[in-house]
Amino acid sequence: MSDSPTIIIEKDGMAVEILALGASVVSIRPRGAPHSMVLSMPLDQYGAANQSYAGASVGRFANRIARGRFDLAGRSYQLSINDGVNHLHGGTGGFSTQEWSILERSPSRAVLTTTAKDGDDGYPGNLYARAIFTVLAGDALEIAYEAVTDRPTIANLTSHLYFNLDGTGDVLGHDLTVPAGHYLPVDETTMPTGEIASVAGTRFDFCEGRRLADRPEGLDHNFCLYSHRSMNPRPAATLRSERSGWTLEMTTTEPGLQVYDGAKFDGSQSHADGRPIEAFAGLALEPQIWPDAPNRPSFPTALLLPGETYRSVSRYRFIQGS
């Protein structure tokens, strides 16, 4: 059992459980739901043991950076390598492995904070980060990330939630809509090739909705929602289950959405009730800056300078019977 503090925030019958270790969302239960809408694991499977990042806050840079290298302000930086030949989700000591401090707490809101020191995992600058979880009226959860730095650096945080609106079985019967006209093709290491490809005429076209059983094989790709971050959340995805009757409506300020089908779950992790987590047990929807952005000038920027405040906001609304 983890000794990390847990927090339950709630409003109007919707409850969200958060673990300070990794600033992780352990469960989301809207009003009337008999189960969590996200993969929920025993508490001792979070932190460094959470190899799938389920529910965790990931950073400093969510997703992949090629060979763990990038240039900034005339200097080259080498990050830790933890995904084949690449850097993934902040590296070996990323935010998902850290014990966050509880800064504020109210019945419906929790603010957690952590600090990444200059040079941690190879990143420049001290980065001071906050994760803000708020249960809103109408069965919705808002997750906001804020960060400031004392040196030029890169920042890209996200919540790595895996959704299963049925609470059991796989998600291949769910219908997914993503309003993105383009996506990023990847190479054999799941790194973007640099091409920004149209979804038209491909299985990556989720604009009008598509059953996940009809997804492209090996779905672990960034969908190009917008060209830049916005001040206010914009439509990002809709996930529906005919079986349970639940719908998730997701909005975000972020320009990209990484969609991963959970194919690599192999039973080595378990649900909170002890059942093994098998392939396709959850769909990851990760709002973020596009992967490898520090090496791709044509991608939205992840640059964060002293005096600026990084802020991303994503909202998850659950609807029954739609």
C-alpha atoms as a PDB file:
ATOM      1  CA  MET A   1       0.000   0.000   0.000  1.00  0.00           C
ATOM      2  CA  SER A   2       1.287   3.465  -0.912  1.00  0.00           C
ATOM      3  CA  ASP A   3       1.924   5.966   1.904  1.00  0.00           C
ATOM      4  CA  SER A   4       1.233   8.838  -0.494  1.00  0.00           C
ATOM      5  CA  PRO A   5      -1.757  11.005   0.499  1.00  0.00           C
ATOM      6  CA  THR A   6      -5.011  10.528  -1.364  1.00  0.00           C
ATOM      7  CA  ILE A   7      -7.628  13.216  -1.886  1.00  0.00           C
ATOM      8  CA  ILE A   8     -11.276  12.915  -2.843  1.00  0.00           C
ATOM      9  CA  ILE A   9     -12.893  15.971  -4.398  1.00  0.00           C
ATOM     10  CA  GLU A  10     -16.569  16.027  -5.296  1.00  0.00           C
ATOM     11  CA  LYS A  11     -19.505  18.144  -6.378  1.00  0.00           C
ATOM     12  CA  ASP A  12     -23.169  17.313  -6.945  1.00  0.00           C
ATOM     13  CA  GLY A  13     -22.549  13.584  -6.594  1.00  0.00           C
ATOM     14  CA  MET A  14     -19.486  13.317  -8.857  1.00  0.00           C
ATOM     15  CA  ALA A  15     -16.328  12.147  -7.057  1.00  0.00           C
ATOM     16  CA  VAL A  16     -12.669  12.127  -8.176  1.00  0.00           C
ATOM     17  CA  GLU A  17      -9.883  10.406  -6.247  1.00  0.00           C
ATOM     18  CA  ILE A  18      -6.368  11.828  -6.607  1.00  0.00           C
ATOM     19  CA  LEU A  19      -3.057  10.423  -5.370  1.00  0.00           C
ATOM     20  CA  ALA A  20      -0.240  12.844  -4.530  1.00  0.00           C
ATOM     21  CA  LEU A  21       2.284  10.375  -5.977  1.00  0.00           C
ATOM     22  CA  GLY A  22       2.529  11.416  -9.616  1.00  0.00           C
ATOM     23  CA  ALA A  23      -0.420  13.812  -9.106  1.00  0.00           C
ATOM     24  CA  SER A  24      -2.398  10.818 -10.357  1.00  0.00           C
ATOM     25  CA  VAL A  25      -6.135  10.568 -10.987  1.00  0.00           C
ATOM     26  CA  VAL A  26      -7.059   7.222  -9.458  1.00  0.00           C
ATOM     27  CA  SER A  27     -10.777   7.226 -10.272  1.00  0.00           C
ATOM     28  CA  ILE A  28     -13.572   9.359 -11.710  1.00  0.00           C
ATOM     29  CA  ARG A  29     -17.164   8.500 -10.782  1.00  0.00           C
ATOM     30  CA  PRO A  30     -19.907  10.755 -12.191  1.00  0.00           C
ATOM     31  CA  ARG A  31     -23.358  10.767 -10.593  1.00  0.00           C
ATOM     32  CA  GLY A  32     -25.081   7.438 -11.030  1.00  0.00           C
ATOM     33  CA  ALA A  33     -22.010   5.656 -12.381  1.00  0.00           C
ATOM     34  CA  PRO A  34     -21.424   2.209 -10.841  1.00  0.00           C
ATOM     35  CA  HIS A  35     -17.747   2.262 -11.826  1.00  0.00           C
ATOM     36  CA  SER A  36     -14.804   4.554 -12.496  1.00  0.00           C
ATOM     37  CA  MET A  37     -14.636   6.041 -16.003  1.00  0.00           C
ATOM     38  CA  VAL A  38     -10.825   5.695 -16.041  1.00  0.00           C
ATOM     39  CA  LEU A  39      -8.507   2.802 -15.322  1.00  0.00           C
ATOM     40  CA  SER A  40      -8.102   2.526 -11.549  1.00  0.00           C
ATOM     41  CA  MET A  41      -5.230   0.542 -10.045  1.00  0.00           C
ATOM     42  CA  PRO A  42      -4.080  -0.427  -6.542  1.00  0.00           C
ATOM     43  CA  LEU A  43      -2.228   2.518  -5.011  1.00  0.00           C
ATOM     44  CA  ASP A  44       1.093   0.677  -4.924  1.00  0.00           C
ATOM     45  CA  GLN A  45       1.086   0.510  -8.744  1.00  0.00           C
ATOM     46  CA  TYR A  46       1.445   4.285  -9.169  1.00  0.00           C
ATOM     47  CA  GLY A  47       4.650   6.322  -9.244  1.00  0.00           C
ATOM     48  CA  ALA A  48       7.764   4.626 -10.632  1.00  0.00           C
ATOM     49  CA  ALA A  49       5.862   1.325 -10.823  1.00  0.00           C
ATOM     50  CA  ASN A  50       3.320   2.849 -13.210  1.00  0.00           C
ATOM     51  CA  GLN A  51       4.971   1.920 -16.511  1.00  0.00           C
ATOM     52  CA  SER A  52       1.819   2.749 -18.488  1.00  0.00           C
ATOM     53  CA  TYR A  53       1.485   6.187 -16.817  1.00  0.00           C
ATOM     54  CA  ALA A  54      -2.188   5.436 -16.048  1.00  0.00           C
ATOM     55  CA  GLY A  55      -3.803   8.507 -14.530  1.00  0.00           C
ATOM     56  CA  ALA A  56      -0.476  10.239 -13.914  1.00  0.00           C
ATOM     57  CA  SER A  57       0.576  13.826 -14.528  1.00  0.00           C
ATOM     58  CA  VAL A  58       3.458  13.590 -16.979  1.00  0.00           C
ATOM     59  CA  GLY A  59       6.211  16.090 -17.814  1.00  0.00           C
ATOM     60  CA  ARG A  60       8.341  18.120 -18.039  1.00  0.00           C
ATOM     61  CA  PHE A  61       7.676  17.210 -21.636  1.00  0.00           C
ATOM     62  CA  ALA A  62       4.774  14.867 -22.344  1.00  0.00           C
ATOM     63  CA  ASN A  63       5.269  12.405 -25.205  1.00  0.00           C
ATOM     64  CA  ARG A  64       8.532  11.798 -27.080  1.00  0.00           C
ATOM     65  CA  ILE A  65      11.663  13.740 -27.936  1.00  0.00           C
ATOM     66  CA  ALA A  66      13.848  12.109 -30.603  1.00  0.00           C
ATOM     67  CA  ARG A  67      17.048  10.634 -29.170  1.00  0.00           C
ATOM     68  CA  GLY A  68      16.385  12.785 -26.103  1.00  0.00           C
ATOM     69  CA  ARG A  69      18.147  15.735 -27.719  1.00  0.00           C
ATOM     70  CA  PHE A  70      17.206  19.317 -28.487  1.00  0.00           C
ATOM     71  CA  ASP A  71      18.857  22.710 -28.923  1.00  0.00           C
ATOM     72  CA  LEU A  72      17.787  25.830 -27.084  1.00  0.00           C
ATOM     73  CA  ALA A  73      19.314  29.312 -26.921  1.00  0.00           C
ATOM     74  CA  GLY A  74      22.497  28.155 -28.620  1.00  0.00           C
ATOM     75  CA  ARG A  75      23.049  25.140 -26.372  1.00  0.00           C
ATOM     76  CA  SER A  76      22.434  21.426 -26.898  1.00  0.00           C
ATOM     77  CA  TYR A  77      20.746  19.334 -24.239  1.00  0.00           C
ATOM     78  CA  GLN A  78      20.780  15.564 -23.749  1.00  0.00           C
ATOM     79  CA  LEU A  79      17.862  14.121 -21.806  1.00  0.00           C
ATOM     80  CA  SER A  80      17.507  10.674 -20.284  1.00  0.00           C
ATOM     81  CA  ILE A  81      16.549   7.827 -22.656  1.00  0.00           C
ATOM     82  CA  ASN A  82      13.678   5.685 -21.398  1.00  0.00           C
ATOM     83  CA  ASP A  83      11.732   4.593 -24.495  1.00  0.00           C
ATOM     84  CA  GLY A  84      13.985   2.636 -26.830  1.00  0.00           C
ATOM     85  CA  VAL A  85      16.273   5.315 -28.271  1.00  0.00           C
ATOM     86  CA  ASN A  86      13.975   8.204 -27.310  1.00  0.00           C
ATOM     87  CA  HIS A  87      12.916  10.295 -24.315  1.00  0.00           C
ATOM     88  CA  LEU A  88       9.322   9.786 -23.148  1.00  0.00           C
ATOM     89  CA  HIS A  89       7.072  11.679 -20.706  1.00  0.00           C
ATOM     90  CA  GLY A  90       9.831  13.528 -18.867  1.00  0.00           C
ATOM     91  CA  GLY A  91      12.273  10.641 -18.630  1.00  0.00           C
ATOM     92  CA  THR A  92      13.376   8.397 -15.799  1.00  0.00           C
ATOM     93  CA  GLY A  93      12.646  11.004 -13.126  1.00  0.00           C
ATOM     94  CA  GLY A  94       9.597  12.615 -14.699  1.00  0.00           C
ATOM     95  CA  PHE A  95       6.666  14.154 -12.855  1.00  0.00           C
ATOM     96  CA  SER A  96       4.766  10.841 -12.840  1.00  0.00           C
ATOM     97  CA  THR A  97       7.388   9.411 -10.441  1.00  0.00           C
ATOM     98  CA  GLN A  98       7.463  12.363  -8.031  1.00  0.00           C
ATOM     99  CA  GLU A  99       5.631  12.929  -4.759  1.00  0.00           C
ATOM    100  CA  TRP A 100       3.661  16.140  -5.280  1.00  0.00           C
ATOM    101  CA  SER A 101       2.821  18.406  -2.342  1.00  0.00           C
ATOM    102  CA  ILE A 102      -0.763  19.343  -1.544  1.00  0.00           C
ATOM    103  CA  LEU A 103      -0.846  23.148  -1.693  1.00  0.00           C
ATOM    104  CA  GLU A 104      -4.595  23.805  -1.413  1.00  0.00           C
ATOM    105  CA  ARG A 105      -7.686  21.716  -0.872  1.00  0.00           C
ATOM    106  CA  SER A 106     -11.425  22.364  -0.769  1.00  0.00           C
ATOM    107  CA  PRO A 107     -14.403  20.017  -1.186  1.00  0.00           C
ATOM    108  CA  SER A 108     -14.355  20.308  -4.992  1.00  0.00           C
ATOM    109  CA  ARG A 109     -10.776  21.452  -5.745  1.00  0.00           C
ATOM    110  CA  ALA A 110      -7.211  20.355  -5.067  1.00  0.00           C
ATOM    111  CA  VAL A 111      -3.949  22.062  -6.005  1.00  0.00           C
ATOM    112  CA  LEU A 112      -0.733  20.036  -6.028  1.00  0.00           C
ATOM    113  CA  THR A 113       2.768  21.341  -6.656  1.00  0.00           C
ATOM    114  CA  THR A 114       6.240  20.042  -7.473  1.00  0.00           C
ATOM    115  CA  THR A 115       9.625  21.413  -8.506  1.00  0.00           C
ATOM    116  CA  ALA A 116      12.011  20.053 -11.124  1.00  0.00           C
ATOM    117  CA  LYS A 117      15.549  21.267 -10.506  1.00  0.00           C
ATOM    118  CA  ASP A 118      17.887  22.676 -13.110  1.00  0.00           C
ATOM    119  CA  GLY A 119      19.522  19.685 -14.813  1.00  0.00           C
ATOM    120  CA  ASP A 120      16.990  17.060 -13.708  1.00  0.00           C
ATOM    121  CA  ASP A 121      16.838  14.456 -16.486  1.00  0.00           C
ATOM    122  CA  GLY A 122      18.938  16.889 -18.541  1.00  0.00           C
ATOM    123  CA  TYR A 123      16.401  19.739 -18.715  1.00  0.00           C
ATOM    124  CA  PRO A 124      17.540  23.338 -18.249  1.00  0.00           C
ATOM    125  CA  GLY A 125      16.100  25.604 -15.571  1.00  0.00           C
ATOM    126  CA  ASN A 126      14.275  25.153 -12.309  1.00  0.00           C
ATOM    127  CA  LEU A 127      10.635  24.488 -13.179  1.00  0.00           C
ATOM    128  CA  TYR A 128       7.921  25.156 -10.616  1.00  0.00           C
ATOM    129  CA  ALA A 129       4.714  23.320 -11.553  1.00  0.00           C
ATOM    130  CA  ARG A 130       1.142  23.165 -10.254  1.00  0.00           C
ATOM    131  CA  ALA A 131      -1.625  20.684 -11.044  1.00  0.00           C
ATOM    132  CA  ILE A 132      -5.137  22.001 -10.355  1.00  0.00           C
ATOM    133  CA  PHE A 133      -8.018  19.520 -10.204  1.00  0.00           C
ATOM    134  CA  THR A 134     -11.564  20.907 -10.011  1.00  0.00           C
ATOM    135  CA  VAL A 135     -14.899  19.098 -10.123  1.00  0.00           C
ATOM    136  CA  LEU A 136     -17.352  21.336 -11.963  1.00  0.00           C
ATOM    137  CA  ALA A 137     -21.135  21.355 -12.057  1.00  0.00           C
ATOM    138  CA  GLY A 138     -22.570  19.026 -14.676  1.00  0.00           C
ATOM    139  CA  ASP A 139     -20.404  15.952 -14.021  1.00  0.00           C
ATOM    140  CA  ALA A 140     -17.199  17.529 -15.310  1.00  0.00           C
ATOM    141  CA  LEU A 141     -13.568  17.465 -14.219  1.00  0.00           C
ATOM    142  CA  GLU A 142     -11.151  20.263 -15.098  1.00  0.00           C
ATOM    143  CA  ILE A 143      -7.413  19.598 -14.978  1.00  0.00           C
ATOM    144  CA  ALA A 144      -5.129  22.610 -15.322  1.00  0.00           C
ATOM    145  CA  TYR A 145      -1.334  22.727 -15.300  1.00  0.00           C
ATOM    146  CA  GLU A 146       0.739  25.821 -14.643  1.00  0.00           C
ATOM    147  CA  ALA A 147       4.513  26.253 -14.629  1.00  0.00           C
ATOM    148  CA  VAL A 148       7.169  28.963 -14.411  1.00  0.00           C
ATOM    149  CA  THR A 149      10.918  28.780 -14.940  1.00  0.00           C
ATOM    150  CA  ASP A 150      14.064  30.745 -14.110  1.00  0.00           C
ATOM    151  CA  ARG A 151      15.836  29.837 -17.381  1.00  0.00           C
ATOM    152  CA  PRO A 152      14.670  29.267 -20.947  1.00  0.00           C
ATOM    153  CA  THR A 153      13.311  25.722 -21.083  1.00  0.00           C
ATOM    154  CA  ILE A 154      10.535  23.604 -22.590  1.00  0.00           C
ATOM    155  CA  ALA A 155       7.276  22.667 -20.883  1.00  0.00           C
ATOM    156  CA  ASN A 156       4.479  20.332 -21.932  1.00  0.00           C
ATOM    157  CA  LEU A 157       2.376  18.671 -19.228  1.00  0.00           C
ATOM    158  CA  THR A 158      -0.618  16.384 -19.539  1.00  0.00           C
ATOM    159  CA  SER A 159      -2.811  14.001 -17.588  1.00  0.00           C
ATOM    160  CA  HIS A 160      -2.383  10.464 -18.913  1.00  0.00           C
ATOM    161  CA  LEU A 161      -5.927   9.177 -18.363  1.00  0.00           C
ATOM    162  CA  TYR A 162      -7.101   5.885 -19.864  1.00  0.00           C
ATOM    163  CA  PHE A 163     -10.867   5.913 -20.399  1.00  0.00           C
ATOM    164  CA  ASN A 164     -13.212   2.939 -20.375  1.00  0.00           C
ATOM    165  CA  LEU A 165     -16.825   4.058 -20.185  1.00  0.00           C
ATOM    166  CA  ASP A 166     -17.991   0.487 -19.534  1.00  0.00           C
ATOM    167  CA  GLY A 167     -15.720  -0.056 -16.549  1.00  0.00           C
ATOM    168  CA  THR A 168     -14.807  -3.539 -17.750  1.00  0.00           C
ATOM    169  CA  GLY A 169     -13.762  -5.385 -20.899  1.00  0.00           C
ATOM    170  CA  ASP A 170     -12.036  -3.605 -23.783  1.00  0.00           C
ATOM    171  CA  VAL A 171     -12.813  -0.297 -25.462  1.00  0.00           C
ATOM    172  CA  LEU A 172     -12.968  -1.558 -29.045  1.00  0.00           C
ATOM    173  CA  GLY A 173     -16.749  -1.128 -29.057  1.00  0.00           C
ATOM    174  CA  HIS A 174     -16.491   2.566 -28.121  1.00  0.00           C
ATOM    175  CA  ASP A 175     -17.041   5.245 -30.771  1.00  0.00           C
ATOM    176  CA  LEU A 176     -14.446   8.033 -30.952  1.00  0.00           C
ATOM    177  CA  THR A 177     -14.768  11.450 -32.596  1.00  0.00           C
ATOM    178  CA  VAL A 178     -11.711  13.729 -32.962  1.00  0.00           C
ATOM    179  CA  PRO A 179     -12.167  16.996 -34.930  1.00  0.00           C
ATOM    180  CA  ALA A 180      -8.693  16.917 -36.482  1.00  0.00           C
ATOM    181  CA  GLY A 181      -8.042  17.099 -40.211  1.00  0.00           C
ATOM    182  CA  HIS A 182      -4.403  16.044 -39.843  1.00  0.00           C
ATOM    183  CA  TYR A 183      -2.247  13.666 -37.813  1.00  0.00           C
ATOM    184  CA  LEU A 184       1.464  12.912 -37.417  1.00  0.00           C
ATOM    185  CA  PRO A 185       2.739   9.705 -39.056  1.00  0.00           C
ATOM    186  CA  VAL A 186       5.406   7.927 -37.001  1.00  0.00           C
ATOM    187  CA  ASP A 187       8.452   5.752 -37.599  1.00  0.00           C
ATOM    188  CA  GLU A 188       9.266   2.349 -36.093  1.00  0.00           C
ATOM    189  CA  THR A 189      10.099   3.994 -32.733  1.00  0.00           C
ATOM    190  CA  THR A 190       6.721   5.817 -32.614  1.00  0.00           C
ATOM    191  CA  MET A 191       8.522   9.098 -33.298  1.00  0.00           C
ATOM    192  CA  PRO A 192       6.851  11.583 -35.686  1.00  0.00           C
ATOM    193  CA  THR A 193       8.517  11.634 -39.081  1.00  0.00           C
ATOM    194  CA  GLY A 194       7.904  15.368 -39.468  1.00  0.00           C
ATOM    195  CA  GLU A 195       5.096  14.966 -41.989  1.00  0.00           C
ATOM    196  CA  ILE A 196       1.730  16.526 -41.158  1.00  0.00           C
ATOM    197  CA  ALA A 197      -0.622  14.210 -43.026  1.00  0.00           C
ATOM    198  CA  SER A 198      -4.290  14.567 -43.933  1.00  0.00           C
ATOM    199  CA  VAL A 199      -6.665  12.089 -42.317  1.00  0.00           C
ATOM    200  CA  ALA A 200      -8.914  12.122 -45.411  1.00  0.00           C
ATOM    201  CA  GLY A 201      -9.477   8.681 -46.857  1.00  0.00           C
ATOM    202  CA  THR A 202      -7.618   6.923 -44.004  1.00  0.00           C
ATOM    203  CA  ARG A 203      -8.553   5.116 -40.821  1.00  0.00           C
ATOM    204  CA  PHE A 204      -7.153   8.124 -38.950  1.00  0.00           C
ATOM    205  CA  ASP A 205     -10.255  10.070 -39.968  1.00  0.00           C
ATOM    206  CA  PHE A 206     -12.292  10.306 -36.762  1.00  0.00           C
ATOM    207  CA  CYS A 207     -13.929  13.613 -37.728  1.00  0.00           C
ATOM    208  CA  GLU A 208     -17.394  12.064 -38.053  1.00  0.00           C
ATOM    209  CA  GLY A 209     -16.831   9.324 -35.493  1.00  0.00           C
ATOM    210  CA  ARG A 210     -15.367   5.847 -35.883  1.00  0.00           C
ATOM    211  CA  ARG A 211     -15.666   2.607 -33.933  1.00  0.00           C
ATOM    212  CA  LEU A 212     -12.342   1.850 -32.242  1.00  0.00           C
ATOM    213  CA  ALA A 213     -12.473  -1.660 -33.641  1.00  0.00           C
ATOM    214  CA  ASP A 214     -11.984   0.058 -37.018  1.00  0.00           C
ATOM    215  CA  ARG A 215      -8.994   2.106 -35.840  1.00  0.00           C
ATOM    216  CA  PRO A 216      -5.607   1.942 -37.648  1.00  0.00           C
ATOM    217  CA  GLU A 217      -3.357  -0.815 -36.310  1.00  0.00           C
ATOM    218  CA  GLY A 218      -0.852   0.463 -33.774  1.00  0.00           C
ATOM    219  CA  LEU A 219      -2.838   3.586 -32.890  1.00  0.00           C
ATOM    220  CA  ASP A 220      -0.459   5.744 -30.827  1.00  0.00           C
ATOM    221  CA  HIS A 221      -0.461   9.020 -32.759  1.00  0.00           C
ATOM    222  CA  ASN A 222      -0.827  12.759 -32.320  1.00  0.00           C
ATOM    223  CA  PHE A 223      -3.912  14.316 -33.875  1.00  0.00           C
ATOM    224  CA  CYS A 224      -3.326  17.921 -34.940  1.00  0.00           C
ATOM    225  CA  LEU A 225      -6.290  19.726 -33.415  1.00  0.00           C
ATOM    226  CA  TYR A 226      -4.985  23.264 -33.782  1.00  0.00           C
ATOM    227  CA  SER A 227      -1.823  25.167 -34.695  1.00  0.00           C
ATOM    228  CA  HIS A 228      -1.286  26.727 -31.270  1.00  0.00           C
ATOM    229  CA  ARG A 229      -2.431  26.717 -27.651  1.00  0.00           C
ATOM    230  CA  SER A 230      -5.542  28.792 -26.876  1.00  0.00           C
ATOM    231  CA  MET A 231      -6.687  30.743 -23.836  1.00  0.00           C
ATOM    232  CA  ASN A 232      -9.942  28.787 -23.557  1.00  0.00           C
ATOM    233  CA  PRO A 233     -10.661  25.079 -24.092  1.00  0.00           C
ATOM    234  CA  ARG A 234     -11.833  24.010 -27.557  1.00  0.00           C
ATOM    235  CA  PRO A 235     -13.383  20.695 -28.714  1.00  0.00           C
ATOM    236  CA  ALA A 236     -10.889  17.848 -28.651  1.00  0.00           C
ATOM    237  CA  ALA A 237     -12.735  14.517 -28.559  1.00  0.00           C
ATOM    238  CA  THR A 238     -16.004  12.735 -27.911  1.00  0.00           C
ATOM    239  CA  LEU A 239     -16.032   9.125 -26.720  1.00  0.00           C
ATOM    240  CA  ARG A 240     -19.259   7.130 -26.586  1.00  0.00           C
ATOM    241  CA  SER A 241     -20.225   3.668 -25.410  1.00  0.00           C
ATOM    242  CA  GLU A 242     -23.483   2.236 -26.678  1.00  0.00           C
ATOM    243  CA  ARG A 243     -23.110  -0.606 -24.186  1.00  0.00           C
ATOM    244  CA  SER A 244     -23.108   1.539 -21.029  1.00  0.00           C
ATOM    245  CA  GLY A 245     -24.827   4.615 -22.439  1.00  0.00           C
ATOM    246  CA  TRP A 246     -22.091   6.956 -21.203  1.00  0.00           C
ATOM    247  CA  THR A 247     -20.466   9.714 -23.259  1.00  0.00           C
ATOM    248  CA  LEU A 248     -17.307  11.703 -22.589  1.00  0.00           C
ATOM    249  CA  GLU A 249     -17.000  15.191 -24.075  1.00  0.00           C
ATOM    250  CA  MET A 250     -13.472  16.571 -23.906  1.00  0.00           C
ATOM    251  CA  THR A 251     -12.201  20.100 -24.531  1.00  0.00           C
ATOM    252  CA  THR A 252      -8.681  21.487 -24.200  1.00  0.00           C
ATOM    253  CA  THR A 253      -6.500  24.528 -24.730  1.00  0.00           C
ATOM    254  CA  GLU A 254      -3.810  22.294 -26.243  1.00  0.00           C
ATOM    255  CA  PRO A 255      -3.065  22.015 -29.991  1.00  0.00           C
ATOM    256  CA  GLY A 256      -2.579  18.248 -30.049  1.00  0.00           C
ATOM    257  CA  LEU A 257      -4.247  15.084 -28.799  1.00  0.00           C
ATOM    258  CA  GLN A 258      -2.250  11.872 -28.488  1.00  0.00           C
ATOM    259  CA  VAL A 259      -4.574   8.897 -28.924  1.00  0.00           C
ATOM    260  CA  TYR A 260      -3.283   5.506 -27.756  1.00  0.00           C
ATOM    261  CA  ASP A 261      -5.412   2.377 -27.897  1.00  0.00           C
ATOM    262  CA  GLY A 262      -3.824   0.552 -24.938  1.00  0.00           C
ATOM    263  CA  ALA A 263      -2.631  -2.335 -27.100  1.00  0.00           C
ATOM    264  CA  LYS A 264       0.492  -2.925 -24.967  1.00  0.00           C
ATOM    265  CA  PHE A 265      -1.351  -3.744 -21.746  1.00  0.00           C
ATOM    266  CA  ASP A 266      -0.358  -7.340 -21.033  1.00  0.00           C
ATOM    267  CA  GLY A 267      -1.851  -8.213 -17.652  1.00  0.00           C
ATOM    268  CA  SER A 268       1.238  -7.209 -15.655  1.00  0.00           C
ATOM    269  CA  GLN A 269      -0.723  -4.349 -14.104  1.00  0.00           C
ATOM    270  CA  SER A 270      -4.035  -4.849 -12.366  1.00  0.00           C
ATOM    271  CA  HIS A 271      -7.301  -3.052 -11.846  1.00  0.00           C
ATOM    272  CA  ALA A 272      -8.112  -1.855  -8.333  1.00  0.00           C
ATOM    273  CA  ASP A 273     -10.257  -4.977  -7.861  1.00  0.00           C
ATOM    274  CA  GLY A 274      -7.365  -7.286  -8.784  1.00  0.00           C
ATOM    275  CA  ARG A 275      -8.341  -8.126 -12.364  1.00  0.00           C
ATOM    276  CA  PRO A 276      -5.399  -8.020 -14.798  1.00  0.00           C
ATOM    277  CA  ILE A 277      -5.379  -5.062 -17.190  1.00  0.00           C
ATOM    278  CA  GLU A 278      -5.399  -6.655 -20.629  1.00  0.00           C
ATOM    279  CA  ALA A 279      -4.855  -5.205 -24.107  1.00  0.00           C
ATOM    280  CA  PHE A 280      -7.252  -2.383 -25.109  1.00  0.00           C
ATOM    281  CA  ALA A 281      -8.589  -2.065 -21.547  1.00  0.00           C
ATOM    282  CA  GLY A 282      -8.498   1.731 -21.814  1.00  0.00           C
ATOM    283  CA  LEU A 283      -8.125   4.483 -24.392  1.00  0.00           C
ATOM    284  CA  ALA A 284      -5.558   7.176 -23.599  1.00  0.00           C
ATOM    285  CA  LEU A 285      -6.528  10.697 -24.682  1.00  0.00           C
ATOM    286  CA  GLU A 286      -3.585  12.994 -23.924  1.00  0.00           C
ATOM    287  CA  PRO A 287      -3.978  16.727 -24.691  1.00  0.00           C
ATOM    288  CA  GLN A 288      -0.556  18.298 -25.263  1.00  0.00           C
ATOM    289  CA  ILE A 289       1.924  20.082 -27.498  1.00  0.00           C
ATOM    290  CA  TRP A 290       2.851  17.909 -30.476  1.00  0.00           C
ATOM    291  CA  PRO A 291       5.579  15.294 -29.836  1.00  0.00           C
ATOM    292  CA  ASP A 292       9.199  16.218 -30.665  1.00  0.00           C
ATOM    293  CA  ALA A 293       8.159  19.874 -30.921  1.00  0.00           C
ATOM    294  CA  PRO A 294      11.552  21.138 -29.631  1.00  0.00           C
ATOM    295  CA  ASN A 295      13.152  19.675 -32.787  1.00  0.00           C
ATOM    296  CA  ARG A 296      10.400  20.671 -35.227  1.00  0.00           C
ATOM    297  CA  PRO A 297      10.124  24.419 -35.933  1.00  0.00           C
ATOM    298  CA  SER A 298       6.924  23.806 -37.925  1.00  0.00           C
ATOM    299  CA  PHE A 299       5.192  22.314 -34.860  1.00  0.00           C
ATOM    300  CA  PRO A 300       3.567  24.396 -32.080  1.00  0.00           C
ATOM    301  CA  THR A 301       6.241  25.647 -29.717  1.00  0.00           C
ATOM    302  CA  ALA A 302       6.938  24.267 -26.239  1.00  0.00           C
ATOM    303  CA  LEU A 303       9.318  27.106 -25.318  1.00  0.00           C
ATOM    304  CA  LEU A 304       8.876  28.622 -21.858  1.00  0.00           C
ATOM    305  CA  LEU A 305      10.843  31.725 -20.879  1.00  0.00           C
ATOM    306  CA  PRO A 306      11.427  33.397 -17.502  1.00  0.00           C
ATOM    307  CA  GLY A 307       8.599  35.814 -16.755  1.00  0.00           C
ATOM    308  CA  GLU A 308       6.062  33.702 -18.662  1.00  0.00           C
ATOM    309  CA  THR A 309       3.503  31.300 -17.216  1.00  0.00           C
ATOM    310  CA  TYR A 310       2.776  27.995 -18.916  1.00  0.00           C
ATOM    311  CA  ARG A 311      -0.906  27.093 -18.542  1.00  0.00           C
ATOM    312  CA  SER A 312      -2.942  24.310 -20.072  1.00  0.00           C
ATOM    313  CA  VAL A 313      -6.558  23.467 -19.289  1.00  0.00           C
ATOM    314  CA  SER A 314      -8.561  20.362 -20.200  1.00  0.00           C
ATOM    315  CA  ARG A 315     -12.147  19.540 -19.275  1.00  0.00           C
ATOM    316  CA  TYR A 316     -13.831  16.138 -19.209  1.00  0.00           C
ATOM    317  CA  ARG A 317     -17.633  16.065 -19.077  1.00  0.00           C
ATOM    318  CA  PHE A 318     -19.544  12.824 -18.624  1.00  0.00           C
ATOM    319  CA  ILE A 319     -23.094  12.412 -19.904  1.00  0.00           C
ATOM    320  CA  GLN A 320     -25.390   9.471 -19.264  1.00  0.00           C
ATOM    321  CA  GLY A 321     -27.888   8.245 -21.803  1.00  0.00           C
ATOM    322  CA  SER A 322     -26.818  10.363 -24.787  1.00  0.00           C
END
